[in-house]
Protein backbone atom coordinates (compact mmCIF):
# COMPACT_ATOMS: atom_id res chain seq x y z
CA GLN A 1 105.43 118.08 101.98
CA VAL A 2 103.58 115.02 102.67
CA GLN A 3 105.76 111.83 101.51
CA LEU A 4 104.77 108.23 101.24
CA VAL A 5 106.79 105.54 101.52
CA GLU A 6 105.89 102.26 99.95
CA SER A 7 107.89 99.12 101.21
CA GLY A 8 107.67 94.93 101.61
CA GLY A 9 107.27 94.23 98.20
CA GLY A 10 109.09 91.78 96.65
CA LEU A 11 108.94 87.90 94.88
CA VAL A 12 106.76 85.15 95.94
CA GLN A 13 105.47 82.09 94.74
CA ALA A 14 101.84 81.97 93.69
CA GLY A 15 99.97 80.93 96.79
CA GLY A 16 102.20 83.14 98.79
CA SER A 17 101.65 86.05 100.89
CA LEU A 18 103.33 89.85 101.35
CA ARG A 19 102.22 92.47 103.71
CA LEU A 20 102.94 96.32 102.09
CA SER A 21 103.08 99.51 104.25
CA CYS A 22 102.69 102.59 103.19
CA ALA A 23 104.33 105.27 105.41
CA ALA A 24 103.31 108.83 105.61
CA SER A 25 105.53 111.87 106.40
CA GLY A 26 105.45 116.04 106.53
CA ARG A 27 101.49 115.65 107.48
CA THR A 28 100.29 118.27 109.85
CA SER A 29 96.93 116.12 110.80
CA THR A 30 95.44 112.71 110.41
CA ASN A 31 92.53 113.25 108.14
CA TYR A 32 93.87 111.45 105.00
CA ALA A 33 91.91 108.81 103.03
CA MET A 34 94.56 106.33 101.54
CA GLY A 35 94.28 104.30 98.64
CA TRP A 36 96.10 101.14 96.74
CA PHE A 37 97.06 101.37 93.42
CA ARG A 38 98.95 99.02 90.91
CA GLN A 39 100.21 99.11 87.61
CA ALA A 40 101.38 96.11 85.54
CA PRO A 41 103.56 96.84 82.52
CA GLY A 42 101.59 97.68 79.37
CA LYS A 43 98.75 98.64 81.50
CA GLU A 44 97.05 101.59 83.23
CA ARG A 45 96.93 102.03 87.29
CA GLU A 46 94.27 100.58 88.77
CA PHE A 47 92.72 100.39 92.35
CA VAL A 48 93.33 97.92 94.56
CA ALA A 49 91.77 98.74 98.15
CA ALA A 50 91.31 102.18 99.78
CA THR A 51 90.14 103.22 103.23
CA SER A 52 88.53 106.14 105.01
CA TRP A 53 90.69 108.40 107.11
CA SER A 54 89.24 107.40 110.04
CA ARG A 55 89.73 103.54 108.98
CA SER A 56 86.10 102.78 109.58
CA ASN A 57 85.56 102.32 105.77
CA THR A 58 87.06 100.29 103.09
CA ASP A 59 86.50 99.31 99.67
CA TYR A 60 88.37 96.57 97.66
CA ALA A 61 88.58 95.78 93.65
CA ASP A 62 86.74 92.74 93.01
CA SER A 63 89.70 90.83 91.50
CA VAL A 64 91.16 91.28 95.22
CA LYS A 65 88.28 90.79 97.39
CA GLY A 66 88.86 87.93 100.19
CA ARG A 67 92.33 87.91 99.22
CA PHE A 68 93.54 91.93 100.20
CA THR A 69 93.11 93.65 103.66
CA ILE A 70 94.15 96.99 103.96
CA SER A 71 94.68 98.42 107.64
CA GLY A 72 96.09 101.23 109.62
CA ASP A 73 97.87 101.76 112.74
CA ASN A 74 96.38 103.93 115.54
CA ALA A 75 98.62 106.68 114.85
CA LYS A 76 96.79 107.44 110.92
CA THR A 77 100.55 107.65 109.46
CA THR A 78 101.00 104.18 108.24
CA VAL A 79 98.17 101.64 105.95
CA TYR A 80 99.11 98.40 105.44
CA LEU A 81 98.01 95.88 102.66
CA GLN A 82 98.04 92.21 103.70
CA MET A 83 98.12 90.61 100.34
CA ASN A 84 96.83 86.94 100.92
CA SER A 85 96.84 84.23 98.24
CA LEU A 86 98.68 86.04 95.62
CA LYS A 87 97.96 84.91 92.02
CA PRO A 88 100.72 85.47 88.87
CA GLU A 89 98.52 88.19 87.89
CA ASP A 90 98.71 90.33 91.03
CA THR A 91 102.38 91.16 89.61
CA ALA A 92 102.41 94.62 89.43
CA VAL A 93 104.37 98.00 91.09
CA TYR A 94 101.94 98.83 94.09
CA TYR A 95 101.70 102.71 94.69
CA CYS A 96 100.31 104.04 97.76
CA GLY A 97 97.78 107.55 97.05
CA SER A 98 97.07 109.83 99.92
CA ARG A 99 94.56 113.19 100.56
CA ARG A 100 93.58 115.15 102.95
CA VAL A 101 89.48 115.06 103.39
CA ALA A 102 87.23 116.68 105.81
CA VAL A 103 87.16 115.68 109.47
CA THR A 104 83.45 115.59 109.16
CA GLY A 105 80.77 115.08 107.06
CA PRO A 106 80.19 112.94 104.04
CA SER A 107 83.59 113.48 103.14
CA ALA A 108 85.04 112.27 106.36
CA SER A 109 83.81 108.70 105.58
CA ARG A 110 84.45 108.37 101.76
CA VAL A 111 86.55 105.60 100.71
CA LEU A 112 88.50 106.77 97.23
CA THR A 113 88.67 104.51 94.65
CA HIS A 114 90.14 106.74 91.61
CA SER A 115 93.26 107.91 91.02
CA TYR A 116 92.70 111.20 90.20
CA ASP A 117 91.12 111.32 93.20
CA TYR A 118 94.62 111.38 95.58
CA ASP A 119 97.10 114.38 95.60
CA TYR A 120 100.06 112.27 96.98
CA TRP A 121 102.03 109.24 95.61
CA GLY A 122 104.47 107.09 96.97
CA GLN A 123 107.17 106.15 94.34
CA GLY A 124 105.64 102.29 94.03
CA THR A 125 107.01 98.91 95.10
CA GLN A 126 107.37 95.97 92.75
CA VAL A 127 105.46 92.24 93.96
CA THR A 128 106.26 90.03 91.46
CA VAL A 129 103.82 86.64 91.88
CA SER A 130 105.64 83.25 89.92
CA SER A 131 103.57 80.34 88.75
């Protein structure tokens, strides 16, 4: 059973930085596309950032472009979200998603930006940005 565990959330002042981590376990291969989503109270879960399984392609929501960076370790077991210049509107629970994809072909380079694309989710980590 694939398990994802997010960490790194917390309380930070506006303009500050946080680095979220998403550690995967229980996988028998490394070809998993990964993504970060967030959900604020009373709002739907929204896309933040995602990377293809090879980590060669990435995509970001317009609201975080230039401030957030998604990356991964060489073992492809952990994905990070570096968040800089944080704003109060970034306050939300941040979730990590994962989906196994083909190793080669068009699917291999896909970056999945919809929550319904993902099969596995972590429990989330709270990020609170104070003004």
